[in-house]
Amino acid sequence: SQIPVELWYEQFSDSTLADAVLDRLVHDAYKIQLKGESMRKLLSGVKNAPEGDKTVATN
């Protein structure tokens, strides 16, 4: 997920439903936490600009 784990519960309006779904999702799962910028963004040529500004870097 692109949403940090600590914010997952906020995505559900019903806490019981959130418990059920998230319990099944993380059961026997491996947690891989990445750091830094998205490689997809870095390789796309899109500059770090405010959201909505899709300026493309040129060489």
N, C-alpha and C. Protein backbone atom coordinates (compact mmCIF):
# COMPACT_ATOMS: atom_id res chain seq x y z
N SER A 1 0.83 -1.18 0.00
CA SER A 1 0.00 0.00 0.00
C SER A 1 0.87 1.24 0.00
N GLN A 2 0.39 2.27 -0.60
CA GLN A 2 1.11 3.54 -0.56
C GLN A 2 0.72 4.35 0.67
N ILE A 3 -0.21 3.82 1.43
CA ILE A 3 -0.64 4.47 2.67
C ILE A 3 0.14 3.85 3.82
N PRO A 4 0.75 4.68 4.67
CA PRO A 4 1.48 4.12 5.81
C PRO A 4 0.57 3.27 6.69
N VAL A 5 1.11 2.20 7.24
CA VAL A 5 0.33 1.25 8.04
C VAL A 5 -0.44 1.95 9.15
N GLU A 6 0.17 2.93 9.80
CA GLU A 6 -0.50 3.60 10.91
C GLU A 6 -1.74 4.39 10.48
N LEU A 7 -1.94 4.59 9.18
CA LEU A 7 -3.11 5.31 8.68
C LEU A 7 -4.16 4.39 8.06
N TRP A 8 -3.90 3.08 8.05
CA TRP A 8 -4.84 2.15 7.42
C TRP A 8 -6.22 2.20 8.04
N TYR A 9 -6.30 2.25 9.37
CA TYR A 9 -7.61 2.23 10.02
C TYR A 9 -8.47 3.42 9.64
N GLU A 10 -7.84 4.55 9.36
CA GLU A 10 -8.59 5.75 8.97
C GLU A 10 -9.31 5.58 7.63
N GLN A 11 -8.92 4.61 6.85
CA GLN A 11 -9.52 4.40 5.53
C GLN A 11 -10.87 3.68 5.61
N PHE A 12 -11.22 3.14 6.78
CA PHE A 12 -12.47 2.42 6.98
C PHE A 12 -13.38 3.22 7.90
N SER A 13 -14.66 3.26 7.58
CA SER A 13 -15.61 3.96 8.45
C SER A 13 -16.06 3.08 9.60
N ASP A 14 -15.88 1.78 9.49
CA ASP A 14 -16.31 0.82 10.51
C ASP A 14 -15.08 0.13 11.09
N SER A 15 -14.81 0.34 12.39
CA SER A 15 -13.60 -0.21 13.00
C SER A 15 -13.61 -1.74 13.04
N THR A 16 -14.80 -2.35 13.17
CA THR A 16 -14.89 -3.81 13.17
C THR A 16 -14.50 -4.36 11.80
N LEU A 17 -14.99 -3.73 10.77
CA LEU A 17 -14.64 -4.13 9.40
C LEU A 17 -13.14 -3.93 9.17
N ALA A 18 -12.60 -2.83 9.65
CA ALA A 18 -11.16 -2.58 9.51
C ALA A 18 -10.36 -3.67 10.19
N ASP A 19 -10.75 -4.06 11.41
CA ASP A 19 -10.06 -5.14 12.12
C ASP A 19 -10.08 -6.43 11.31
N ALA A 20 -11.24 -6.78 10.77
CA ALA A 20 -11.38 -8.03 10.03
C ALA A 20 -10.53 -8.03 8.76
N VAL A 21 -10.63 -6.97 8.00
CA VAL A 21 -9.90 -6.89 6.73
C VAL A 21 -8.39 -6.85 6.97
N LEU A 22 -7.96 -6.00 7.88
CA LEU A 22 -6.53 -5.84 8.11
C LEU A 22 -5.92 -7.07 8.76
N ASP A 23 -6.68 -7.76 9.60
CA ASP A 23 -6.18 -9.00 10.20
C ASP A 23 -5.89 -10.03 9.12
N ARG A 24 -6.78 -10.15 8.16
CA ARG A 24 -6.59 -11.13 7.09
C ARG A 24 -5.48 -10.69 6.13
N LEU A 25 -5.35 -9.41 5.95
CA LEU A 25 -4.35 -8.88 5.04
C LEU A 25 -2.93 -9.09 5.57
N VAL A 26 -2.72 -8.88 6.85
CA VAL A 26 -1.36 -8.95 7.39
C VAL A 26 -1.00 -10.30 7.99
N HIS A 27 -1.96 -11.22 8.08
CA HIS A 27 -1.68 -12.54 8.64
C HIS A 27 -0.64 -13.25 7.78
N ASP A 28 0.44 -13.68 8.38
CA ASP A 28 1.55 -14.36 7.70
C ASP A 28 2.18 -13.53 6.58
N ALA A 29 2.03 -12.21 6.64
CA ALA A 29 2.61 -11.35 5.62
C ALA A 29 4.01 -10.90 6.03
N TYR A 30 4.80 -10.55 5.05
CA TYR A 30 6.11 -9.96 5.29
C TYR A 30 5.98 -8.46 5.14
N LYS A 31 6.54 -7.72 6.06
CA LYS A 31 6.49 -6.26 5.98
C LYS A 31 7.79 -5.77 5.38
N ILE A 32 7.67 -5.06 4.27
CA ILE A 32 8.83 -4.47 3.61
C ILE A 32 8.60 -2.97 3.60
N GLN A 33 9.42 -2.24 4.33
CA GLN A 33 9.25 -0.80 4.42
C GLN A 33 10.38 -0.14 3.64
N LEU A 34 10.01 0.62 2.62
CA LEU A 34 10.99 1.28 1.76
C LEU A 34 11.22 2.71 2.23
N LYS A 35 12.41 3.22 1.96
CA LYS A 35 12.75 4.59 2.32
C LYS A 35 13.08 5.36 1.05
N GLY A 36 12.93 6.66 1.10
CA GLY A 36 13.33 7.51 -0.01
C GLY A 36 12.23 7.72 -1.03
N GLU A 37 12.60 8.42 -2.08
CA GLU A 37 11.67 8.73 -3.15
C GLU A 37 11.32 7.48 -3.95
N SER A 38 10.19 7.52 -4.60
CA SER A 38 9.76 6.44 -5.47
C SER A 38 10.70 6.36 -6.68
N MET A 39 11.19 5.17 -6.98
CA MET A 39 12.03 5.00 -8.16
C MET A 39 11.24 5.30 -9.43
N ARG A 40 9.96 5.04 -9.41
CA ARG A 40 9.12 5.34 -10.57
C ARG A 40 9.16 6.84 -10.86
N LYS A 41 9.06 7.64 -9.79
CA LYS A 41 9.09 9.09 -9.95
C LYS A 41 10.48 9.55 -10.41
N LEU A 42 11.52 9.00 -9.79
CA LEU A 42 12.88 9.41 -10.14
C LEU A 42 13.21 9.09 -11.59
N LEU A 43 12.78 7.94 -12.07
CA LEU A 43 13.10 7.51 -13.44
C LEU A 43 12.20 8.15 -14.49
N SER A 44 11.08 8.74 -14.07
CA SER A 44 10.13 9.31 -15.03
C SER A 44 10.58 10.67 -15.55
N GLY A 45 11.46 11.35 -14.81
CA GLY A 45 11.89 12.68 -15.23
C GLY A 45 11.02 13.78 -14.67
N VAL A 46 10.03 13.44 -13.85
CA VAL A 46 9.18 14.45 -13.24
C VAL A 46 9.94 15.08 -12.09
N LYS A 47 10.02 16.42 -12.10
CA LYS A 47 10.72 17.13 -11.03
C LYS A 47 9.89 17.09 -9.75
N ASN A 48 10.55 17.28 -8.61
CA ASN A 48 9.84 17.41 -7.34
C ASN A 48 9.14 18.76 -7.33
N ALA A 49 7.90 18.78 -7.73
CA ALA A 49 7.13 20.01 -7.82
C ALA A 49 5.87 19.85 -6.98
N PRO A 50 5.20 20.97 -6.69
CA PRO A 50 3.94 20.86 -5.94
C PRO A 50 2.96 19.94 -6.66
N GLU A 51 2.11 19.28 -5.88
CA GLU A 51 1.13 18.34 -6.44
C GLU A 51 0.31 19.04 -7.51
N GLY A 52 0.14 18.39 -8.63
CA GLY A 52 -0.64 18.96 -9.72
C GLY A 52 0.24 19.57 -10.80
N ASP A 53 1.47 19.96 -10.46
CA ASP A 53 2.40 20.52 -11.43
C ASP A 53 3.22 19.37 -12.00
N LYS A 54 3.00 19.03 -13.24
CA LYS A 54 3.66 17.88 -13.87
C LYS A 54 4.76 18.34 -14.82
N THR A 55 5.64 19.21 -14.36
CA THR A 55 6.75 19.68 -15.16
C THR A 55 7.72 18.53 -15.42
N VAL A 56 8.10 18.35 -16.67
CA VAL A 56 9.01 17.27 -17.02
C VAL A 56 10.41 17.84 -17.18
N ALA A 57 11.38 17.18 -16.55
CA ALA A 57 12.77 17.62 -16.64
C ALA A 57 13.31 17.33 -18.03
N THR A 58 14.12 18.24 -18.55
CA THR A 58 14.77 18.03 -19.84
C THR A 58 16.27 18.12 -19.65
N ASN A 59 17.00 17.43 -20.50
CA ASN A 59 18.47 17.44 -20.41
C ASN A 59 19.06 18.44 -21.35
